[in-house]
Amino acid sequence: MTPEEQEPLDPAIAARLKRDEQGLVAAVVQQFDTREVLMLGWMDEEALRRTLTTSRVTFFSRSRQEYWRKGDTSGHVQWVKSVSIDCDGDALLVEVDQVGAACHTGTRTCFTSRELEAVKGERE
């Protein structure tokens, strides 16, 4: 069965999503066991449906206007462990078992060596 032949996203889940003007929701991807934040991707209803039903993470590329699965060309697959929606419905947390690098630059996470200088706060 092709993706086009599959049932659409559960309407109850779709109703909870608050999409941007392009119909997309941010998806934060996190390693399930270490809690390491790996990357941020974008999903529409179809990308979320594929993620929930195939055991692999599917994103929607804003630049190419097409679906893509992490690892299809690199082998650096993201195996779905859980998917959560935030309280506002405008963000998803996708916990995965990441094989290899998550970043297209070849690093484990898209946030490696990219920390910005910030004044650090302390609890009183």
PDB file of N, CA and C in Angstrom:
ATOM      1  N   MET A   1       0.828  -1.178   0.000  1.00  0.00           N
ATOM      2  CA  MET A   1       0.000   0.000   0.000  1.00  0.00           C
ATOM      3  C   MET A   1       0.879   1.250   0.000  1.00  0.00           C
ATOM      4  N   THR A   2       0.647   2.172  -0.896  1.00  0.00           N
ATOM      5  CA  THR A   2       1.432   3.400  -0.955  1.00  0.00           C
ATOM      6  C   THR A   2       0.954   4.367   0.123  1.00  0.00           C
ATOM      7  N   PRO A   3       1.781   5.370   0.482  1.00  0.00           N
ATOM      8  CA  PRO A   3       1.360   6.353   1.488  1.00  0.00           C
ATOM      9  C   PRO A   3       0.039   7.027   1.123  1.00  0.00           C
ATOM     10  N   GLU A   4      -0.218   7.205  -0.163  1.00  0.00           N
ATOM     11  CA  GLU A   4      -1.434   7.865  -0.602  1.00  0.00           C
ATOM     12  C   GLU A   4      -2.674   7.006  -0.341  1.00  0.00           C
ATOM     13  N   GLU A   5      -2.486   5.696  -0.226  1.00  0.00           N
ATOM     14  CA  GLU A   5      -3.601   4.777  -0.009  1.00  0.00           C
ATOM     15  C   GLU A   5      -3.928   4.582   1.473  1.00  0.00           C
ATOM     16  N   GLN A   6      -3.109   5.119   2.347  1.00  0.00           N
ATOM     17  CA  GLN A   6      -3.315   4.973   3.781  1.00  0.00           C
ATOM     18  C   GLN A   6      -4.445   5.877   4.265  1.00  0.00           C
ATOM     19  N   GLU A   7      -4.998   5.522   5.411  1.00  0.00           N
ATOM     20  CA  GLU A   7      -6.002   6.355   6.056  1.00  0.00           C
ATOM     21  C   GLU A   7      -5.357   7.676   6.466  1.00  0.00           C
ATOM     22  N   PRO A   8      -6.120   8.772   6.461  1.00  0.00           N
ATOM     23  CA  PRO A   8      -5.562  10.057   6.909  1.00  0.00           C
ATOM     24  C   PRO A   8      -5.275  10.029   8.412  1.00  0.00           C
ATOM     25  N   LEU A   9      -4.616  11.064   8.893  1.00  0.00           N
ATOM     26  CA  LEU A   9      -4.327  11.196  10.320  1.00  0.00           C
ATOM     27  C   LEU A   9      -5.643  11.169  11.091  1.00  0.00           C
ATOM     28  N   ASP A  10      -5.633  10.506  12.216  1.00  0.00           N
ATOM     29  CA  ASP A  10      -6.808  10.444  13.088  1.00  0.00           C
ATOM     30  C   ASP A  10      -7.350  11.865  13.291  1.00  0.00           C
ATOM     31  N   PRO A  11      -8.629  12.098  12.990  1.00  0.00           N
ATOM     32  CA  PRO A  11      -9.204  13.447  13.117  1.00  0.00           C
ATOM     33  C   PRO A  11      -9.094  14.032  14.527  1.00  0.00           C
ATOM     34  N   ALA A  12      -9.111  13.189  15.544  1.00  0.00           N
ATOM     35  CA  ALA A  12      -8.962  13.684  16.914  1.00  0.00           C
ATOM     36  C   ALA A  12      -7.568  14.263  17.142  1.00  0.00           C
ATOM     37  N   ILE A  13      -6.559  13.643  16.544  1.00  0.00           N
ATOM     38  CA  ILE A  13      -5.190  14.175  16.648  1.00  0.00           C
ATOM     39  C   ILE A  13      -5.071  15.432  15.799  1.00  0.00           C
ATOM     40  N   ALA A  14      -5.578  15.393  14.575  1.00  0.00           N
ATOM     41  CA  ALA A  14      -5.516  16.552  13.674  1.00  0.00           C
ATOM     42  C   ALA A  14      -6.163  17.775  14.302  1.00  0.00           C
ATOM     43  N   ALA A  15      -7.244  17.581  15.023  1.00  0.00           N
ATOM     44  CA  ALA A  15      -7.959  18.703  15.647  1.00  0.00           C
ATOM     45  C   ALA A  15      -7.135  19.369  16.745  1.00  0.00           C
ATOM     46  N   ARG A  16      -6.218  18.641  17.336  1.00  0.00           N
ATOM     47  CA  ARG A  16      -5.376  19.196  18.410  1.00  0.00           C
ATOM     48  C   ARG A  16      -4.200  20.007  17.881  1.00  0.00           C
ATOM     49  N   LEU A  17      -3.853  19.846  16.603  1.00  0.00           N
ATOM     50  CA  LEU A  17      -2.689  20.533  16.030  1.00  0.00           C
ATOM     51  C   LEU A  17      -2.984  21.995  15.734  1.00  0.00           C
ATOM     52  N   LYS A  18      -2.046  22.861  16.120  1.00  0.00           N
ATOM     53  CA  LYS A  18      -2.098  24.279  15.750  1.00  0.00           C
ATOM     54  C   LYS A  18      -0.944  24.508  14.794  1.00  0.00           C
ATOM     55  N   ARG A  19      -1.279  24.606  13.519  1.00  0.00           N
ATOM     56  CA  ARG A  19      -0.273  24.698  12.465  1.00  0.00           C
ATOM     57  C   ARG A  19       0.091  26.152  12.181  1.00  0.00           C
ATOM     58  N   ASP A  20       1.293  26.333  11.607  1.00  0.00           N
ATOM     59  CA  ASP A  20       1.677  27.672  11.159  1.00  0.00           C
ATOM     60  C   ASP A  20       0.984  27.963   9.829  1.00  0.00           C
ATOM     61  N   GLU A  21       1.307  29.096   9.223  1.00  0.00           N
ATOM     62  CA  GLU A  21       0.641  29.502   7.978  1.00  0.00           C
ATOM     63  C   GLU A  21       0.906  28.554   6.813  1.00  0.00           C
ATOM     64  N   GLN A  22       1.934  27.716   6.927  1.00  0.00           N
ATOM     65  CA  GLN A  22       2.227  26.714   5.897  1.00  0.00           C
ATOM     66  C   GLN A  22       1.610  25.355   6.225  1.00  0.00           C
ATOM     67  N   GLY A  23       0.875  25.283   7.330  1.00  0.00           N
ATOM     68  CA  GLY A  23       0.257  24.027   7.724  1.00  0.00           C
ATOM     69  C   GLY A  23       1.192  23.087   8.464  1.00  0.00           C
ATOM     70  N   LEU A  24       2.275  23.629   9.024  1.00  0.00           N
ATOM     71  CA  LEU A  24       3.311  22.808   9.655  1.00  0.00           C
ATOM     72  C   LEU A  24       3.368  22.998  11.162  1.00  0.00           C
ATOM     73  N   VAL A  25       3.887  21.979  11.831  1.00  0.00           N
ATOM     74  CA  VAL A  25       4.112  21.989  13.271  1.00  0.00           C
ATOM     75  C   VAL A  25       5.575  21.627  13.505  1.00  0.00           C
ATOM     76  N   ALA A  26       6.224  22.332  14.434  1.00  0.00           N
ATOM     77  CA  ALA A  26       7.613  22.032  14.774  1.00  0.00           C
ATOM     78  C   ALA A  26       7.683  20.686  15.493  1.00  0.00           C
ATOM     79  N   ALA A  27       8.704  19.896  15.147  1.00  0.00           N
ATOM     80  CA  ALA A  27       8.919  18.591  15.775  1.00  0.00           C
ATOM     81  C   ALA A  27      10.342  18.542  16.330  1.00  0.00           C
ATOM     82  N   VAL A  28      10.447  18.588  17.648  1.00  0.00           N
ATOM     83  CA  VAL A  28      11.736  18.471  18.323  1.00  0.00           C
ATOM     84  C   VAL A  28      12.056  16.985  18.429  1.00  0.00           C
ATOM     85  N   VAL A  29      13.260  16.614  18.008  1.00  0.00           N
ATOM     86  CA  VAL A  29      13.659  15.209  18.027  1.00  0.00           C
ATOM     87  C   VAL A  29      14.702  15.016  19.122  1.00  0.00           C
ATOM     88  N   GLN A  30      14.449  14.028  19.988  1.00  0.00           N
ATOM     89  CA  GLN A  30      15.278  13.776  21.158  1.00  0.00           C
ATOM     90  C   GLN A  30      15.632  12.292  21.240  1.00  0.00           C
ATOM     91  N   GLN A  31      16.883  12.006  21.591  1.00  0.00           N
ATOM     92  CA  GLN A  31      17.298  10.619  21.829  1.00  0.00           C
ATOM     93  C   GLN A  31      16.554  10.105  23.052  1.00  0.00           C
ATOM     94  N   PHE A  32      15.898   8.963  22.920  1.00  0.00           N
ATOM     95  CA  PHE A  32      14.988   8.484  23.960  1.00  0.00           C
ATOM     96  C   PHE A  32      15.655   8.138  25.283  1.00  0.00           C
ATOM     97  N   ASP A  33      16.874   7.641  25.269  1.00  0.00           N
ATOM     98  CA  ASP A  33      17.485   7.183  26.516  1.00  0.00           C
ATOM     99  C   ASP A  33      18.389   8.221  27.169  1.00  0.00           C
ATOM    100  N   THR A  34      19.097   9.012  26.386  1.00  0.00           N
ATOM    101  CA  THR A  34      20.005  10.014  26.964  1.00  0.00           C
ATOM    102  C   THR A  34      19.346  11.374  27.117  1.00  0.00           C
ATOM    103  N   ARG A  35      18.197  11.567  26.475  1.00  0.00           N
ATOM    104  CA  ARG A  35      17.433  12.830  26.478  1.00  0.00           C
ATOM    105  C   ARG A  35      18.140  13.936  25.675  1.00  0.00           C
ATOM    106  N   GLU A  36      19.156  13.592  24.931  1.00  0.00           N
ATOM    107  CA  GLU A  36      19.892  14.546  24.102  1.00  0.00           C
ATOM    108  C   GLU A  36      18.976  15.091  22.993  1.00  0.00           C
ATOM    109  N   VAL A  37      18.918  16.419  22.862  1.00  0.00           N
ATOM    110  CA  VAL A  37      18.136  17.031  21.791  1.00  0.00           C
ATOM    111  C   VAL A  37      18.958  16.943  20.514  1.00  0.00           C
ATOM    112  N   LEU A  38      18.385  16.312  19.498  1.00  0.00           N
ATOM    113  CA  LEU A  38      19.125  16.031  18.277  1.00  0.00           C
ATOM    114  C   LEU A  38      18.887  17.056  17.175  1.00  0.00           C
ATOM    115  N   MET A  39      17.643  17.423  16.948  1.00  0.00           N
ATOM    116  CA  MET A  39      17.342  18.301  15.820  1.00  0.00           C
ATOM    117  C   MET A  39      15.922  18.828  15.921  1.00  0.00           C
ATOM    118  N   LEU A  40      15.591  19.724  15.011  1.00  0.00           N
ATOM    119  CA  LEU A  40      14.232  20.235  14.850  1.00  0.00           C
ATOM    120  C   LEU A  40      13.831  20.016  13.400  1.00  0.00           C
ATOM    121  N   GLY A  41      12.658  19.467  13.202  1.00  0.00           N
ATOM    122  CA  GLY A  41      12.126  19.284  11.854  1.00  0.00           C
ATOM    123  C   GLY A  41      10.704  19.810  11.815  1.00  0.00           C
ATOM    124  N   TRP A  42      10.081  19.699  10.660  1.00  0.00           N
ATOM    125  CA  TRP A  42       8.717  20.196  10.479  1.00  0.00           C
ATOM    126  C   TRP A  42       7.833  19.077   9.964  1.00  0.00           C
ATOM    127  N   MET A  43       6.604  19.036  10.467  1.00  0.00           N
ATOM    128  CA  MET A  43       5.648  18.018  10.042  1.00  0.00           C
ATOM    129  C   MET A  43       4.311  18.664   9.706  1.00  0.00           C
ATOM    130  N   ASP A  44       3.678  18.124   8.678  1.00  0.00           N
ATOM    131  CA  ASP A  44       2.273  18.419   8.442  1.00  0.00           C
ATOM    132  C   ASP A  44       1.503  17.176   8.867  1.00  0.00           C
ATOM    133  N   GLU A  45       0.195  17.152   8.632  1.00  0.00           N
ATOM    134  CA  GLU A  45      -0.604  16.012   9.063  1.00  0.00           C
ATOM    135  C   GLU A  45      -0.110  14.696   8.459  1.00  0.00           C
ATOM    136  N   GLU A  46       0.255  14.717   7.187  1.00  0.00           N
ATOM    137  CA  GLU A  46       0.696  13.486   6.525  1.00  0.00           C
ATOM    138  C   GLU A  46       2.031  13.003   7.096  1.00  0.00           C
ATOM    139  N   ALA A  47       2.975  13.911   7.345  1.00  0.00           N
ATOM    140  CA  ALA A  47       4.260  13.511   7.930  1.00  0.00           C
ATOM    141  C   ALA A  47       4.045  12.916   9.322  1.00  0.00           C
ATOM    142  N   LEU A  48       3.145  13.516  10.088  1.00  0.00           N
ATOM    143  CA  LEU A  48       2.852  12.980  11.418  1.00  0.00           C
ATOM    144  C   LEU A  48       2.188  11.611  11.301  1.00  0.00           C
ATOM    145  N   ARG A  49       1.256  11.453  10.389  1.00  0.00           N
ATOM    146  CA  ARG A  49       0.608  10.159  10.200  1.00  0.00           C
ATOM    147  C   ARG A  49       1.633   9.083   9.866  1.00  0.00           C
ATOM    148  N   ARG A  50       2.551   9.394   8.946  1.00  0.00           N
ATOM    149  CA  ARG A  50       3.582   8.425   8.565  1.00  0.00           C
ATOM    150  C   ARG A  50       4.477   8.090   9.752  1.00  0.00           C
ATOM    151  N   THR A  51       4.830   9.100  10.547  1.00  0.00           N
ATOM    152  CA  THR A  51       5.672   8.891  11.722  1.00  0.00           C
ATOM    153  C   THR A  51       4.977   7.977  12.727  1.00  0.00           C
ATOM    154  N   LEU A  52       3.688   8.195  12.939  1.00  0.00           N
ATOM    155  CA  LEU A  52       2.931   7.411  13.915  1.00  0.00           C
ATOM    156  C   LEU A  52       2.664   5.981  13.464  1.00  0.00           C
ATOM    157  N   THR A  53       2.717   5.732  12.160  1.00  0.00           N
ATOM    158  CA  THR A  53       2.297   4.421  11.658  1.00  0.00           C
ATOM    159  C   THR A  53       3.400   3.581  11.008  1.00  0.00           C
ATOM    160  N   THR A  54       4.626   4.105  10.892  1.00  0.00           N
ATOM    161  CA  THR A  54       5.661   3.359  10.171  1.00  0.00           C
ATOM    162  C   THR A  54       6.909   3.025  10.983  1.00  0.00           C
ATOM    163  N   SER A  55       7.037   3.522  12.202  1.00  0.00           N
ATOM    164  CA  SER A  55       8.187   3.324  13.089  1.00  0.00           C
ATOM    165  C   SER A  55       9.414   4.143  12.692  1.00  0.00           C
ATOM    166  N   ARG A  56       9.304   4.944  11.637  1.00  0.00           N
ATOM    167  CA  ARG A  56      10.385   5.837  11.184  1.00  0.00           C
ATOM    168  C   ARG A  56       9.870   7.270  11.172  1.00  0.00           C
ATOM    169  N   VAL A  57      10.746   8.235  11.446  1.00  0.00           N
ATOM    170  CA  VAL A  57      10.343   9.639  11.469  1.00  0.00           C
ATOM    171  C   VAL A  57      10.310  10.195  10.052  1.00  0.00           C
ATOM    172  N   THR A  58       9.192  10.835   9.705  1.00  0.00           N
ATOM    173  CA  THR A  58       9.027  11.506   8.415  1.00  0.00           C
ATOM    174  C   THR A  58       8.837  12.988   8.671  1.00  0.00           C
ATOM    175  N   PHE A  59       9.518  13.810   7.893  1.00  0.00           N
ATOM    176  CA  PHE A  59       9.392  15.267   7.981  1.00  0.00           C
ATOM    177  C   PHE A  59       8.857  15.809   6.664  1.00  0.00           C
ATOM    178  N   PHE A  60       8.456  17.086   6.695  1.00  0.00           N
ATOM    179  CA  PHE A  60       8.113  17.790   5.473  1.00  0.00           C
ATOM    180  C   PHE A  60       9.167  18.868   5.269  1.00  0.00           C
ATOM    181  N   SER A  61       9.836  18.843   4.131  1.00  0.00           N
ATOM    182  CA  SER A  61      10.881  19.813   3.828  1.00  0.00           C
ATOM    183  C   SER A  61      10.260  21.111   3.350  1.00  0.00           C
ATOM    184  N   ARG A  62      10.511  22.192   4.084  1.00  0.00           N
ATOM    185  CA  ARG A  62       9.984  23.503   3.682  1.00  0.00           C
ATOM    186  C   ARG A  62      10.663  24.006   2.417  1.00  0.00           C
ATOM    187  N   SER A  63      11.932  23.683   2.225  1.00  0.00           N
ATOM    188  CA  SER A  63      12.654  24.180   1.048  1.00  0.00           C
ATOM    189  C   SER A  63      12.340  23.375  -0.212  1.00  0.00           C
ATOM    190  N   ARG A  64      12.224  22.067  -0.074  1.00  0.00           N
ATOM    191  CA  ARG A  64      11.970  21.213  -1.242  1.00  0.00           C
ATOM    192  C   ARG A  64      10.488  20.909  -1.456  1.00  0.00           C
ATOM    193  N   GLN A  65       9.666  21.233  -0.440  1.00  0.00           N
ATOM    194  CA  GLN A  65       8.226  20.975  -0.513  1.00  0.00           C
ATOM    195  C   GLN A  65       7.928  19.502  -0.786  1.00  0.00           C
ATOM    196  N   GLU A  66       8.599  18.634   0.004  1.00  0.00           N
ATOM    197  CA  GLU A  66       8.387  17.196  -0.147  1.00  0.00           C
ATOM    198  C   GLU A  66       8.651  16.495   1.173  1.00  0.00           C
ATOM    199  N   TYR A  67       8.172  15.264   1.275  1.00  0.00           N
ATOM    200  CA  TYR A  67       8.397  14.447   2.461  1.00  0.00           C
ATOM    201  C   TYR A  67       9.773  13.807   2.397  1.00  0.00           C
ATOM    202  N   TRP A  68      10.378  13.623   3.557  1.00  0.00           N
ATOM    203  CA  TRP A  68      11.648  12.926   3.622  1.00  0.00           C
ATOM    204  C   TRP A  68      11.761  12.202   4.965  1.00  0.00           C
ATOM    205  N   ARG A  69      12.458  11.072   4.931  1.00  0.00           N
ATOM    206  CA  ARG A  69      12.719  10.307   6.137  1.00  0.00           C
ATOM    207  C   ARG A  69      14.200  10.355   6.442  1.00  0.00           C
ATOM    208  N   LYS A  70      14.506  10.695   7.663  1.00  0.00           N
ATOM    209  CA  LYS A  70      15.899  10.705   8.100  1.00  0.00           C
ATOM    210  C   LYS A  70      16.479   9.315   7.892  1.00  0.00           C
ATOM    211  N   GLY A  71      17.600   9.240   7.194  1.00  0.00           N
ATOM    212  CA  GLY A  71      18.305   7.979   6.999  1.00  0.00           C
ATOM    213  C   GLY A  71      18.089   7.311   5.662  1.00  0.00           C
ATOM    214  N   ASP A  72      17.137   7.784   4.864  1.00  0.00           N
ATOM    215  CA  ASP A  72      16.900   7.128   3.576  1.00  0.00           C
ATOM    216  C   ASP A  72      18.122   7.195   2.663  1.00  0.00           C
ATOM    217  N   THR A  73      18.881   8.277   2.725  1.00  0.00           N
ATOM    218  CA  THR A  73      20.089   8.348   1.903  1.00  0.00           C
ATOM    219  C   THR A  73      21.364   8.174   2.723  1.00  0.00           C
ATOM    220  N   SER A  74      21.342   8.597   3.990  1.00  0.00           N
ATOM    221  CA  SER A  74      22.554   8.543   4.815  1.00  0.00           C
ATOM    222  C   SER A  74      22.700   7.253   5.606  1.00  0.00           C
ATOM    223  N   GLY A  75      21.590   6.563   5.845  1.00  0.00           N
ATOM    224  CA  GLY A  75      21.623   5.395   6.715  1.00  0.00           C
ATOM    225  C   GLY A  75      21.486   5.753   8.189  1.00  0.00           C
ATOM    226  N   HIS A  76      21.416   7.048   8.491  1.00  0.00           N
ATOM    227  CA  HIS A  76      21.309   7.517   9.872  1.00  0.00           C
ATOM    228  C   HIS A  76      19.835   7.602  10.272  1.00  0.00           C
ATOM    229  N   VAL A  77      19.267   6.442  10.501  1.00  0.00           N
ATOM    230  CA  VAL A  77      17.831   6.280  10.713  1.00  0.00           C
ATOM    231  C   VAL A  77      17.402   6.734  12.101  1.00  0.00           C
ATOM    232  N   GLN A  78      16.185   7.263  12.190  1.00  0.00           N
ATOM    233  CA  GLN A  78      15.558   7.587  13.467  1.00  0.00           C
ATOM    234  C   GLN A  78      14.392   6.624  13.676  1.00  0.00           C
ATOM    235  N   TRP A  79      14.525   5.730  14.671  1.00  0.00           N
ATOM    236  CA  TRP A  79      13.470   4.776  15.009  1.00  0.00           C
ATOM    237  C   TRP A  79      12.579   5.398  16.076  1.00  0.00           C
ATOM    238  N   VAL A  80      11.306   5.504  15.809  1.00  0.00           N
ATOM    239  CA  VAL A  80      10.357   6.143  16.719  1.00  0.00           C
ATOM    240  C   VAL A  80      10.220   5.320  17.996  1.00  0.00           C
ATOM    241  N   LYS A  81      10.313   6.005  19.135  1.00  0.00           N
ATOM    242  CA  LYS A  81      10.059   5.404  20.442  1.00  0.00           C
ATOM    243  C   LYS A  81       8.779   5.976  21.053  1.00  0.00           C
ATOM    244  N   SER A  82       8.526   7.281  20.847  1.00  0.00           N
ATOM    245  CA  SER A  82       7.275   7.895  21.309  1.00  0.00           C
ATOM    246  C   SER A  82       7.101   9.237  20.620  1.00  0.00           C
ATOM    247  N   VAL A  83       5.843   9.688  20.562  1.00  0.00           N
ATOM    248  CA  VAL A  83       5.520  11.000  20.010  1.00  0.00           C
ATOM    249  C   VAL A  83       4.527  11.656  20.962  1.00  0.00           C
ATOM    250  N   SER A  84       4.825  12.904  21.360  1.00  0.00           N
ATOM    251  CA  SER A  84       3.954  13.664  22.253  1.00  0.00           C
ATOM    252  C   SER A  84       3.629  15.008  21.625  1.00  0.00           C
ATOM    253  N   ILE A  85       2.460  15.522  21.955  1.00  0.00           N
ATOM    254  CA  ILE A  85       2.055  16.849  21.504  1.00  0.00           C
ATOM    255  C   ILE A  85       2.060  17.763  22.721  1.00  0.00           C
ATOM    256  N   ASP A  86       2.509  19.008  22.561  1.00  0.00           N
ATOM    257  CA  ASP A  86       2.560  19.897  23.716  1.00  0.00           C
ATOM    258  C   ASP A  86       1.169  20.431  24.059  1.00  0.00           C
ATOM    259  N   CYS A  87       1.079  21.130  25.174  1.00  0.00           N
ATOM    260  CA  CYS A  87      -0.207  21.588  25.694  1.00  0.00           C
ATOM    261  C   CYS A  87      -0.926  22.545  24.749  1.00  0.00           C
ATOM    262  N   ASP A  88      -0.196  23.292  23.932  1.00  0.00           N
ATOM    263  CA  ASP A  88      -0.803  24.240  22.990  1.00  0.00           C
ATOM    264  C   ASP A  88      -1.100  23.611  21.633  1.00  0.00           C
ATOM    265  N   GLY A  89      -0.554  22.441  21.367  1.00  0.00           N
ATOM    266  CA  GLY A  89      -0.761  21.777  20.089  1.00  0.00           C
ATOM    267  C   GLY A  89       0.092  22.314  18.960  1.00  0.00           C
ATOM    268  N   ASP A  90       1.074  23.169  19.296  1.00  0.00           N
ATOM    269  CA  ASP A  90       1.892  23.767  18.237  1.00  0.00           C
ATOM    270  C   ASP A  90       3.307  23.208  18.163  1.00  0.00           C
ATOM    271  N   ALA A  91       3.571  22.137  18.903  1.00  0.00           N
ATOM    272  CA  ALA A  91       4.886  21.501  18.846  1.00  0.00           C
ATOM    273  C   ALA A  91       4.747  20.030  19.205  1.00  0.00           C
ATOM    274  N   LEU A  92       5.633  19.233  18.612  1.00  0.00           N
ATOM    275  CA  LEU A  92       5.682  17.797  18.876  1.00  0.00           C
ATOM    276  C   LEU A  92       7.045  17.456  19.456  1.00  0.00           C
ATOM    277  N   LEU A  93       7.074  16.456  20.322  1.00  0.00           N
ATOM    278  CA  LEU A  93       8.324  15.897  20.819  1.00  0.00           C
ATOM    279  C   LEU A  93       8.379  14.462  20.323  1.00  0.00           C
ATOM    280  N   VAL A  94       9.389  14.178  19.500  1.00  0.00           N
ATOM    281  CA  VAL A  94       9.546  12.842  18.933  1.00  0.00           C
ATOM    282  C   VAL A  94      10.783  12.228  19.568  1.00  0.00           C
ATOM    283  N   GLU A  95      10.562  11.204  20.386  1.00  0.00           N
ATOM    284  CA  GLU A  95      11.678  10.498  21.003  1.00  0.00           C
ATOM    285  C   GLU A  95      12.057   9.341  20.089  1.00  0.00           C
ATOM    286  N   VAL A  96      13.347   9.232  19.814  1.00  0.00           N
ATOM    287  CA  VAL A  96      13.838   8.269  18.834  1.00  0.00           C
ATOM    288  C   VAL A  96      15.042   7.510  19.349  1.00  0.00           C
ATOM    289  N   ASP A  97      15.354   6.435  18.651  1.00  0.00           N
ATOM    290  CA  ASP A  97      16.646   5.782  18.780  1.00  0.00           C
ATOM    291  C   ASP A  97      17.393   6.149  17.508  1.00  0.00           C
ATOM    292  N   GLN A  98      18.331   7.078  17.638  1.00  0.00           N
ATOM    293  CA  GLN A  98      19.071   7.616  16.503  1.00  0.00           C
ATOM    294  C   GLN A  98      20.232   6.709  16.147  1.00  0.00           C
ATOM    295  N   VAL A  99      20.319   6.332  14.877  1.00  0.00           N
ATOM    296  CA  VAL A  99      21.442   5.561  14.363  1.00  0.00           C
ATOM    297  C   VAL A  99      22.390   6.542  13.680  1.00  0.00           C
ATOM    298  N   GLY A 100      23.595   6.701  14.212  1.00  0.00           N
ATOM    299  CA  GLY A 100      24.559   7.617  13.603  1.00  0.00           C
ATOM    300  C   GLY A 100      24.223   9.071  13.865  1.00  0.00           C
ATOM    301  N   ALA A 101      24.637   9.917  12.936  1.00  0.00           N
ATOM    302  CA  ALA A 101      24.483  11.366  13.076  1.00  0.00           C
ATOM    303  C   ALA A 101      23.048  11.795  12.799  1.00  0.00           C
ATOM    304  N   ALA A 102      22.564  12.757  13.579  1.00  0.00           N
ATOM    305  CA  ALA A 102      21.239  13.334  13.318  1.00  0.00           C
ATOM    306  C   ALA A 102      21.351  14.544  12.396  1.00  0.00           C
ATOM    307  N   CYS A 103      22.480  15.234  12.451  1.00  0.00           N
ATOM    308  CA  CYS A 103      22.654  16.464  11.671  1.00  0.00           C
ATOM    309  C   CYS A 103      23.206  16.168  10.271  1.00  0.00           C
ATOM    310  N   HIS A 104      22.753  16.929   9.306  1.00  0.00           N
ATOM    311  CA  HIS A 104      23.241  16.754   7.934  1.00  0.00           C
ATOM    312  C   HIS A 104      24.721  17.087   7.793  1.00  0.00           C
ATOM    313  N   THR A 105      25.299  17.767   8.819  1.00  0.00           N
ATOM    314  CA  THR A 105      26.726  18.088   8.775  1.00  0.00           C
ATOM    315  C   THR A 105      27.588  16.914   9.232  1.00  0.00           C
ATOM    316  N   GLY A 106      26.930  15.849   9.731  1.00  0.00           N
ATOM    317  CA  GLY A 106      27.660  14.679  10.179  1.00  0.00           C
ATOM    318  C   GLY A 106      27.867  14.609  11.679  1.00  0.00           C
ATOM    319  N   THR A 107      27.383  15.604  12.421  1.00  0.00           N
ATOM    320  CA  THR A 107      27.501  15.569  13.877  1.00  0.00           C
ATOM    321  C   THR A 107      26.297  14.862  14.485  1.00  0.00           C
ATOM    322  N   ARG A 108      26.484  14.379  15.682  1.00  0.00           N
ATOM    323  CA  ARG A 108      25.432  13.635  16.379  1.00  0.00           C
ATOM    324  C   ARG A 108      24.152  14.460  16.527  1.00  0.00           C
ATOM    325  N   THR A 109      24.302  15.731  16.878  1.00  0.00           N
ATOM    326  CA  THR A 109      23.179  16.629  17.081  1.00  0.00           C
ATOM    327  C   THR A 109      23.377  17.909  16.274  1.00  0.00           C
ATOM    328  N   CYS A 110      22.309  18.538  15.898  1.00  0.00           N
ATOM    329  CA  CYS A 110      22.398  19.801  15.154  1.00  0.00           C
ATOM    330  C   CYS A 110      22.857  20.954  16.043  1.00  0.00           C
ATOM    331  N   PHE A 111      22.982  20.715  17.348  1.00  0.00           N
ATOM    332  CA  PHE A 111      23.337  21.774  18.289  1.00  0.00           C
ATOM    333  C   PHE A 111      24.770  21.672  18.793  1.00  0.00           C
ATOM    334  N   THR A 112      25.588  20.781  18.241  1.00  0.00           N
ATOM    335  CA  THR A 112      26.974  20.618  18.641  1.00  0.00           C
ATOM    336  C   THR A 112      27.794  21.851  18.284  1.00  0.00           C
ATOM    337  N   SER A 113      28.526  22.378  19.255  1.00  0.00           N
ATOM    338  CA  SER A 113      29.443  23.519  19.063  1.00  0.00           C
ATOM    339  C   SER A 113      28.753  24.748  18.484  1.00  0.00           C
ATOM    340  N   ARG A 114      27.492  24.942  18.866  1.00  0.00           N
ATOM    341  CA  ARG A 114      26.763  26.098  18.345  1.00  0.00           C
ATOM    342  C   ARG A 114      26.144  26.940  19.464  1.00  0.00           C
ATOM    343  N   GLU A 115      26.710  26.808  20.663  1.00  0.00           N
ATOM    344  CA  GLU A 115      26.168  27.535  21.798  1.00  0.00           C
ATOM    345  C   GLU A 115      26.458  29.027  21.649  1.00  0.00           C
ATOM    346  N   LEU A 116      25.440  29.824  21.918  1.00  0.00           N
ATOM    347  CA  LEU A 116      25.563  31.275  21.870  1.00  0.00           C
ATOM    348  C   LEU A 116      25.903  31.796  23.264  1.00  0.00           C
ATOM    349  N   GLU A 117      26.629  32.909  23.308  1.00  0.00           N
ATOM    350  CA  GLU A 117      26.923  33.510  24.606  1.00  0.00           C
ATOM    351  C   GLU A 117      25.645  34.079  25.181  1.00  0.00           C
ATOM    352  N   ALA A 118      25.401  33.768  26.426  1.00  0.00           N
ATOM    353  CA  ALA A 118      24.215  34.272  27.108  1.00  0.00           C
ATOM    354  C   ALA A 118      24.554  34.494  28.582  1.00  0.00           C
ATOM    355  N   VAL A 119      23.929  35.485  29.182  1.00  0.00           N
ATOM    356  CA  VAL A 119      24.072  35.690  30.611  1.00  0.00           C
ATOM    357  C   VAL A 119      23.307  34.557  31.290  1.00  0.00           C
ATOM    358  N   LYS A 120      23.993  33.869  32.168  1.00  0.00           N
ATOM    359  CA  LYS A 120      23.389  32.712  32.825  1.00  0.00           C
ATOM    360  C   LYS A 120      22.691  33.152  34.107  1.00  0.00           C
ATOM    361  N   GLY A 121      21.516  32.636  34.320  1.00  0.00           N
ATOM    362  CA  GLY A 121      20.740  32.972  35.503  1.00  0.00           C
ATOM    363  C   GLY A 121      20.947  31.973  36.627  1.00  0.00           C
ATOM    364  N   GLU A 122      20.631  32.381  37.811  1.00  0.00           N
ATOM    365  CA  GLU A 122      20.728  31.528  38.986  1.00  0.00           C
ATOM    366  C   GLU A 122      19.391  31.587  39.725  1.00  0.00           C
ATOM    367  N   ARG A 123      18.992  30.468  40.276  1.00  0.00           N
ATOM    368  CA  ARG A 123      17.801  30.451  41.122  1.00  0.00           C
ATOM    369  C   ARG A 123      18.093  31.144  42.426  1.00  0.00           C
ATOM    370  N   GLU A 124      17.102  31.817  42.936  1.00  0.00           N
ATOM    371  CA  GLU A 124      17.287  32.481  44.245  1.00  0.00           C
ATOM    372  C   GLU A 124      17.001  31.509  45.352  1.00  0.00           C
TER     373      GLU A 124
END
